[in-house]
């Protein structure tokens, strides 16, 4: 009695919201790709100091 079934077809507002969500997702992915630094141009953030342990 308390459960209601949703219509199988999404409403206009749901379609608009889904389209906005997809647009925002694509914009974020494009921005992330533009900001990505190729691995060849990166350096280690923390130097490897294992060689100092024996000293």
Protein backbone atom coordinates (compact mmCIF):
# COMPACT_ATOMS: atom_id res chain seq x y z
CA UNK A 1 0.00 0.00 0.00
CA UNK A 2 2.81 2.39 0.83
CA UNK A 3 4.92 1.52 -2.22
CA UNK A 4 4.33 3.34 -5.48
CA UNK A 5 5.72 2.32 -8.83
CA UNK A 6 7.48 4.87 -10.97
CA UNK A 7 6.58 5.43 -14.59
CA UNK A 8 8.95 3.59 -16.92
CA UNK A 9 9.52 6.75 -18.97
CA UNK A 10 11.50 9.51 -17.21
CA UNK A 11 9.88 12.91 -16.88
CA UNK A 12 11.12 15.98 -18.72
CA UNK A 13 12.81 17.30 -15.59
CA UNK A 14 14.57 13.97 -15.07
CA UNK A 15 15.72 13.98 -18.70
CA UNK A 16 16.99 17.56 -18.37
CA UNK A 17 18.78 16.72 -15.14
CA UNK A 18 20.40 13.67 -16.73
CA UNK A 19 21.52 15.77 -19.72
CA UNK A 20 22.99 18.43 -17.38
CA UNK A 21 24.74 15.71 -15.39
CA UNK A 22 26.27 14.22 -18.54
CA UNK A 23 27.35 17.66 -19.78
CA UNK A 24 29.01 18.43 -16.45
CA UNK A 25 30.70 15.03 -16.45
CA UNK A 26 32.10 15.58 -19.95
CA UNK A 27 33.31 19.07 -18.98
CA UNK A 28 35.11 17.70 -15.91
CA UNK A 29 36.70 14.90 -17.92
CA UNK A 30 37.89 17.38 -20.55
CA UNK A 31 39.31 19.66 -17.85
CA UNK A 32 41.07 16.75 -16.16
CA UNK A 33 42.59 15.68 -19.47
CA UNK A 34 43.77 19.26 -20.15
CA UNK A 35 45.33 19.48 -16.66
CA UNK A 36 46.94 16.04 -16.86
CA UNK A 37 50.73 16.05 -16.68
CA UNK A 38 52.40 13.37 -18.80
CA UNK A 39 54.32 10.85 -16.72
CA UNK A 40 57.56 11.74 -18.53
CA UNK A 41 57.35 15.28 -17.12
CA UNK A 42 56.86 14.28 -13.50
CA UNK A 43 59.41 13.68 -10.77
CA UNK A 44 59.17 11.69 -7.60
CA UNK A 45 57.45 13.61 -4.83
CA UNK A 46 59.38 11.71 -2.16
CA UNK A 47 62.96 10.76 -2.95
CA UNK A 48 63.97 7.15 -2.53
CA UNK A 49 66.35 7.16 0.46
CA UNK A 50 66.75 3.43 0.96
CA UNK A 51 70.46 3.71 0.11
CA UNK A 52 71.05 5.70 3.35
CA UNK A 53 69.86 2.94 5.72
CA UNK A 54 73.27 1.27 5.95
CA UNK A 55 75.10 4.46 6.91
